[in-house]
C-alpha atoms as a PDB file:
ATOM      1  CA  ASP A   1     150.251 141.094 118.574  1.00  0.00           C
ATOM      2  CA  VAL A   2     150.955 138.858 121.586  1.00  0.00           C
ATOM      3  CA  CYS A   3     153.215 141.493 123.132  1.00  0.00           C
ATOM      4  CA  GLU A   4     150.506 144.146 122.810  1.00  0.00           C
ATOM      5  CA  THR A   5     147.967 141.823 124.430  1.00  0.00           C
ATOM      6  CA  LEU A   6     150.424 141.146 127.269  1.00  0.00           C
ATOM      7  CA  ASP A   7     150.866 144.886 127.759  1.00  0.00           C
ATOM      8  CA  GLU A   8     147.092 145.416 127.847  1.00  0.00           C
ATOM      9  CA  LEU A   9     146.692 142.576 130.347  1.00  0.00           C
ATOM     10  CA  THR A  10     149.399 144.090 132.536  1.00  0.00           C
ATOM     11  CA  LEU A  11     147.666 147.467 132.537  1.00  0.00           C
ATOM     12  CA  ASP A  12     144.298 145.819 133.275  1.00  0.00           C
ATOM     13  CA  PHE A  13     145.903 143.862 136.095  1.00  0.00           C
ATOM     14  CA  PHE A  14     147.276 146.959 137.808  1.00  0.00           C
ATOM     15  CA  GLU A  15     144.017 148.877 137.382  1.00  0.00           C
ATOM     16  CA  LYS A  16     142.042 146.018 138.923  1.00  0.00           C
ATOM     17  CA  TYR A  17     144.650 145.582 141.645  1.00  0.00           C
ATOM     18  CA  GLU A  18     144.384 149.250 142.607  1.00  0.00           C
ATOM     19  CA  GLU A  19     140.591 148.983 142.660  1.00  0.00           C
ATOM     20  CA  LEU A  20     140.848 145.856 144.835  1.00  0.00           C
ATOM     21  CA  ARG A  21     143.224 147.612 147.219  1.00  0.00           C
ATOM     22  CA  GLN A  22     140.827 150.557 147.582  1.00  0.00           C
ATOM     23  CA  LYS A  23     137.865 148.264 148.209  1.00  0.00           C
ATOM     24  CA  ARG A  24     139.796 146.291 150.831  1.00  0.00           C
ATOM     25  CA  ILE A  25     140.695 149.516 152.626  1.00  0.00           C
ATOM     26  CA  GLU A  26     137.042 150.572 152.488  1.00  0.00           C
ATOM     27  CA  LEU A  27     135.961 147.138 153.768  1.00  0.00           C
ATOM     28  CA  CYS A  28     138.360 147.357 156.714  1.00  0.00           C
ATOM     29  CA  SER A  29     137.072 150.833 157.513  1.00  0.00           C
ATOM     30  CA  LEU A  30     133.432 149.697 157.368  1.00  0.00           C
ATOM     31  CA  MET A  31     134.081 146.696 159.608  1.00  0.00           C
ATOM     32  CA  ARG A  32     136.024 148.810 162.109  1.00  0.00           C
ATOM     33  CA  ASP A  33     133.303 151.472 162.201  1.00  0.00           C
ATOM     34  CA  GLY A  34     130.589 148.807 162.451  1.00  0.00           C
ATOM     35  CA  TYR A  35     132.220 147.166 165.457  1.00  0.00           C
ATOM     36  CA  LEU A  36     132.834 150.554 167.044  1.00  0.00           C
ATOM     37  CA  SER A  37     129.158 151.477 166.595  1.00  0.00           C
ATOM     38  CA  LEU A  38     128.142 148.123 168.036  1.00  0.00           C
ATOM     39  CA  SER A  39     130.308 148.673 171.101  1.00  0.00           C
ATOM     40  CA  GLN A  40     128.865 152.188 171.530  1.00  0.00           C
ATOM     41  CA  ALA A  41     125.357 150.718 171.379  1.00  0.00           C
ATOM     42  CA  ARG A  42     126.294 148.092 173.966  1.00  0.00           C
ATOM     43  CA  TYR A  43     127.653 150.813 176.217  1.00  0.00           C
ATOM     44  CA  SER A  44     124.534 152.987 175.946  1.00  0.00           C
ATOM     45  CA  MET A  45     121.982 150.139 176.173  1.00  0.00           C
ATOM     46  CA  GLY A  46     123.854 148.011 178.647  1.00  0.00           C
ATOM     47  CA  ASN A  47     126.183 145.089 178.152  1.00  0.00           C
ATOM     48  CA  LYS A  48     123.434 142.453 178.186  1.00  0.00           C
ATOM     49  CA  ALA A  49     120.990 144.366 175.959  1.00  0.00           C
ATOM     50  CA  VAL A  50     122.965 143.811 172.757  1.00  0.00           C
ATOM     51  CA  GLY A  51     124.193 140.278 172.496  1.00  0.00           C
ATOM     52  CA  PRO A  52     123.476 136.757 171.330  1.00  0.00           C
ATOM     53  CA  LEU A  53     120.564 136.341 173.748  1.00  0.00           C
ATOM     54  CA  GLN A  54     118.506 138.742 171.625  1.00  0.00           C
ATOM     55  CA  TYR A  55     118.967 136.690 168.454  1.00  0.00           C
ATOM     56  CA  SER A  56     116.051 134.561 167.368  1.00  0.00           C
ATOM     57  CA  GLU A  57     116.700 130.820 167.244  1.00  0.00           C
ATOM     58  CA  ASN A  58     114.860 130.565 163.954  1.00  0.00           C
ATOM     59  CA  MET A  59     116.438 133.528 162.219  1.00  0.00           C
ATOM     60  CA  THR A  60     117.185 133.288 158.534  1.00  0.00           C
ATOM     61  CA  ALA A  61     119.647 135.281 156.515  1.00  0.00           C
ATOM     62  CA  LEU A  62     118.342 138.379 154.778  1.00  0.00           C
ATOM     63  CA  ALA A  63     121.259 138.392 152.353  1.00  0.00           C
ATOM     64  CA  ARG A  64     122.451 135.461 150.294  1.00  0.00           C
ATOM     65  CA  VAL A  65     125.533 135.150 148.151  1.00  0.00           C
ATOM     66  CA  GLU A  66     124.927 133.249 144.938  1.00  0.00           C
ATOM     67  CA  LEU A  67     127.776 131.910 142.862  1.00  0.00           C
ATOM     68  CA  GLY A  68     127.386 132.571 139.160  1.00  0.00           C
ATOM     69  CA  GLU A  69     129.603 131.167 136.439  1.00  0.00           C
ATOM     70  CA  ASN A  70     132.371 133.689 136.996  1.00  0.00           C
ATOM     71  CA  SER A  71     131.155 135.940 139.775  1.00  0.00           C
ATOM     72  CA  PHE A  72     129.397 136.257 143.093  1.00  0.00           C
ATOM     73  CA  HIS A  73     126.022 137.969 143.348  1.00  0.00           C
ATOM     74  CA  LEU A  74     124.432 139.295 146.509  1.00  0.00           C
ATOM     75  CA  SER A  75     120.680 138.918 146.713  1.00  0.00           C
ATOM     76  CA  LYS A  76     119.019 140.784 149.525  1.00  0.00           C
ATOM     77  CA  GLN A  77     115.645 139.902 150.922  1.00  0.00           C
ATOM     78  CA  ARG A  78     113.513 142.450 152.677  1.00  0.00           C
ATOM     79  CA  PRO A  79     112.107 141.356 156.028  1.00  0.00           C
ATOM     80  CA  GLY A  80     108.859 139.471 155.446  1.00  0.00           C
ATOM     81  CA  GLN A  81     109.587 138.815 151.784  1.00  0.00           C
ATOM     82  CA  LYS A  82     109.768 135.189 150.698  1.00  0.00           C
ATOM     83  CA  THR A  83     112.652 133.908 148.603  1.00  0.00           C
ATOM     84  CA  GLU A  84     112.150 132.245 145.234  1.00  0.00           C
ATOM     85  CA  GLU A  85     113.066 128.887 146.808  1.00  0.00           C
ATOM     86  CA  GLN A  86     110.364 129.270 149.467  1.00  0.00           C
ATOM     87  CA  GLU A  87     107.785 130.181 146.829  1.00  0.00           C
ATOM     88  CA  ALA A  88     108.796 127.184 144.687  1.00  0.00           C
ATOM     89  CA  THR A  89     108.494 124.765 147.621  1.00  0.00           C
ATOM     90  CA  GLU A  90     105.075 126.191 148.497  1.00  0.00           C
ATOM     91  CA  ALA A  91     103.916 125.772 144.898  1.00  0.00           C
ATOM     92  CA  SER A  92     105.126 122.162 144.769  1.00  0.00           C
ATOM     93  CA  LYS A  93     103.526 121.537 148.171  1.00  0.00           C
ATOM     94  CA  ASN A  94     100.169 122.734 146.877  1.00  0.00           C
ATOM     95  CA  ILE A  95     100.448 120.461 143.842  1.00  0.00           C
ATOM     96  CA  ASN A  96     101.300 117.429 145.991  1.00  0.00           C
ATOM     97  CA  ASP A  97      98.445 118.050 148.450  1.00  0.00           C
ATOM     98  CA  ASP A  98      95.743 117.262 145.882  1.00  0.00           C
ATOM     99  CA  GLY A  99      94.336 113.726 145.791  1.00  0.00           C
ATOM    100  CA  LEU A 100      93.728 110.901 148.213  1.00  0.00           C
ATOM    101  CA  ARG A 101      96.109 109.877 150.935  1.00  0.00           C
ATOM    102  CA  LYS A 102      96.558 106.534 152.600  1.00  0.00           C
ATOM    103  CA  ARG A 103      96.350 106.627 156.349  1.00  0.00           C
ATOM    104  CA  LYS A 104      99.335 105.233 158.198  1.00  0.00           C
ATOM    105  CA  VAL A 105      98.975 103.595 161.571  1.00  0.00           C
ATOM    106  CA  GLY A 106     102.186 103.739 163.584  1.00  0.00           C
ATOM    107  CA  ASN A 107     103.545 103.775 167.094  1.00  0.00           C
ATOM    108  CA  PRO A 108     102.939 106.806 169.376  1.00  0.00           C
ATOM    109  CA  GLU A 109     106.545 108.068 169.146  1.00  0.00           C
ATOM    110  CA  GLU A 110     106.286 108.400 165.380  1.00  0.00           C
ATOM    111  CA  LYS A 111     102.957 110.159 165.831  1.00  0.00           C
ATOM    112  CA  ASP A 112     104.508 112.666 168.260  1.00  0.00           C
ATOM    113  CA  ASN A 113     107.413 113.321 165.888  1.00  0.00           C
ATOM    114  CA  LYS A 114     104.961 113.768 163.042  1.00  0.00           C
ATOM    115  CA  GLU A 115     102.905 116.238 165.089  1.00  0.00           C
ATOM    116  CA  ILE A 116     106.033 118.238 165.906  1.00  0.00           C
ATOM    117  CA  LYS A 117     106.993 118.350 162.228  1.00  0.00           C
ATOM    118  CA  GLU A 118     103.449 119.381 161.295  1.00  0.00           C
ATOM    119  CA  LEU A 119     103.567 122.140 163.906  1.00  0.00           C
ATOM    120  CA  GLU A 120     106.881 123.429 162.553  1.00  0.00           C
ATOM    121  CA  PHE A 121     105.503 123.162 159.032  1.00  0.00           C
ATOM    122  CA  GLY A 122     102.311 124.967 160.097  1.00  0.00           C
ATOM    123  CA  ILE A 123     104.303 127.851 161.519  1.00  0.00           C
ATOM    124  CA  ALA A 124     106.228 128.123 158.269  1.00  0.00           C
ATOM    125  CA  GLU A 125     102.973 127.927 156.309  1.00  0.00           C
ATOM    126  CA  LEU A 126     101.456 130.823 158.229  1.00  0.00           C
ATOM    127  CA  GLY A 127     104.003 133.036 156.567  1.00  0.00           C
ATOM    128  CA  ILE A 128     105.085 134.724 159.753  1.00  0.00           C
ATOM    129  CA  THR A 129     106.671 137.933 158.629  1.00  0.00           C
ATOM    130  CA  TYR A 130     110.165 138.718 159.702  1.00  0.00           C
ATOM    131  CA  THR A 131     110.802 142.135 161.094  1.00  0.00           C
ATOM    132  CA  ASP A 132     113.898 144.196 160.705  1.00  0.00           C
ATOM    133  CA  PRO A 133     116.564 142.498 162.880  1.00  0.00           C
ATOM    134  CA  ILE A 134     117.297 145.782 164.644  1.00  0.00           C
ATOM    135  CA  LYS A 135     113.843 145.567 166.244  1.00  0.00           C
ATOM    136  CA  TRP A 136     115.013 142.526 168.232  1.00  0.00           C
ATOM    137  CA  PHE A 137     116.797 145.008 170.471  1.00  0.00           C
ATOM    138  CA  GLY A 138     113.785 147.232 171.090  1.00  0.00           C
ATOM    139  CA  VAL A 139     111.741 149.900 169.392  1.00  0.00           C
ATOM    140  CA  LEU A 140     113.841 152.897 170.415  1.00  0.00           C
ATOM    141  CA  VAL A 141     117.353 151.713 169.704  1.00  0.00           C
ATOM    142  CA  PRO A 142     120.324 154.060 169.785  1.00  0.00           C
ATOM    143  CA  SER A 143     121.475 155.538 166.511  1.00  0.00           C
ATOM    144  CA  ALA A 144     124.825 153.793 166.967  1.00  0.00           C
ATOM    145  CA  LEU A 145     123.067 150.440 166.537  1.00  0.00           C
ATOM    146  CA  ARG A 146     121.425 151.582 163.292  1.00  0.00           C
ATOM    147  CA  THR A 147     124.751 152.957 162.090  1.00  0.00           C
ATOM    148  CA  GLY A 148     126.416 149.634 162.864  1.00  0.00           C
ATOM    149  CA  GLN A 149     123.711 147.762 160.966  1.00  0.00           C
ATOM    150  CA  ASN A 150     124.207 149.999 157.928  1.00  0.00           C
ATOM    151  CA  LYS A 151     127.992 149.622 158.073  1.00  0.00           C
ATOM    152  CA  PHE A 152     127.801 145.825 158.236  1.00  0.00           C
ATOM    153  CA  SER A 153     125.189 145.718 155.461  1.00  0.00           C
ATOM    154  CA  THR A 154     127.443 147.777 153.211  1.00  0.00           C
ATOM    155  CA  ALA A 155     130.392 145.559 154.166  1.00  0.00           C
ATOM    156  CA  VAL A 156     128.503 142.459 153.002  1.00  0.00           C
ATOM    157  CA  GLU A 157     127.965 144.060 149.595  1.00  0.00           C
ATOM    158  CA  LEU A 158     131.597 145.075 149.450  1.00  0.00           C
ATOM    159  CA  CYS A 159     132.724 141.519 150.242  1.00  0.00           C
ATOM    160  CA  CYS A 160     131.088 140.326 147.022  1.00  0.00           C
ATOM    161  CA  ASP A 161     132.824 143.075 145.073  1.00  0.00           C
ATOM    162  CA  VAL A 162     136.182 142.117 146.590  1.00  0.00           C
ATOM    163  CA  ALA A 163     135.638 138.433 145.758  1.00  0.00           C
ATOM    164  CA  ASN A 164     134.693 139.312 142.173  1.00  0.00           C
ATOM    165  CA  LEU A 165     137.781 141.493 141.769  1.00  0.00           C
ATOM    166  CA  GLU A 166     139.991 138.716 143.135  1.00  0.00           C
ATOM    167  CA  ASN A 167     138.461 136.305 140.610  1.00  0.00           C
ATOM    168  CA  ASP A 168     139.072 138.824 137.817  1.00  0.00           C
ATOM    169  CA  LEU A 169     142.707 139.191 138.873  1.00  0.00           C
ATOM    170  CA  LYS A 170     143.111 135.423 138.965  1.00  0.00           C
ATOM    171  CA  ARG A 171     141.730 135.124 135.420  1.00  0.00           C
ATOM    172  CA  LEU A 172     144.011 137.938 134.219  1.00  0.00           C
ATOM    173  CA  VAL A 173     147.064 136.199 135.682  1.00  0.00           C
ATOM    174  CA  GLU A 174     146.063 132.887 134.081  1.00  0.00           C
ATOM    175  CA  ARG A 175     145.554 134.578 130.706  1.00  0.00           C
ATOM    176  CA  PHE A 176     148.863 136.426 131.101  1.00  0.00           C
ATOM    177  CA  ASN A 177     150.720 133.164 131.814  1.00  0.00           C
ATOM    178  CA  GLU A 178     149.098 131.483 128.793  1.00  0.00           C
ATOM    179  CA  LEU A 179     150.186 134.313 126.523  1.00  0.00           C
ATOM    180  CA  LYS A 180     153.670 134.343 128.047  1.00  0.00           C
ATOM    181  CA  HIS A 181     154.092 130.643 127.248  1.00  0.00           C
ATOM    182  CA  GLN A 182     152.713 131.286 123.777  1.00  0.00           C
ATOM    183  CA  LYS A 183     155.263 134.078 123.296  1.00  0.00           C
ATOM    184  CA  LYS A 184     158.120 131.796 124.367  1.00  0.00           C
ATOM    185  CA  ALA A 185     156.955 129.201 121.850  1.00  0.00           C
ATOM    186  CA  LEU A 186     157.208 131.760 119.033  1.00  0.00           C
END
């Protein structure tokens, strides 16, 4: 019974390992093609047109990796869509805004800092919609830039798959070692 389970675990291990190897090759290919497309876009638009100066200072990630109990999950957010965390903070903010408030009298520096925070908070409250990051580089961007964006987006998804497969392999090895020690004890 233990020997059969060990054999099944060995077969599962090699199947998962082959799948992991294929996904890593695909990930390398996507990253290579993405960087190549990015360099082609820089060549066609000009060296300074595609670079860190076009990035927004206040940009937020459109993809988040969430760690589950045994796996990684990628949650993508469309531009302009609010995350569940943002909606929860807005709901709690609305609840806390009801009622009377005590006025605080402080020094002018604190007042300036408070005004800055209120301004930042006001901008966030307006719900300024985020546009597709590719639009930072212009309206008519070369197709190489769009191709690069798609390649990198697919690579992010593939990274989660690779991490999940590596976790699966790690669990298989741990289970295999447990059963091997159990077999020796018999």
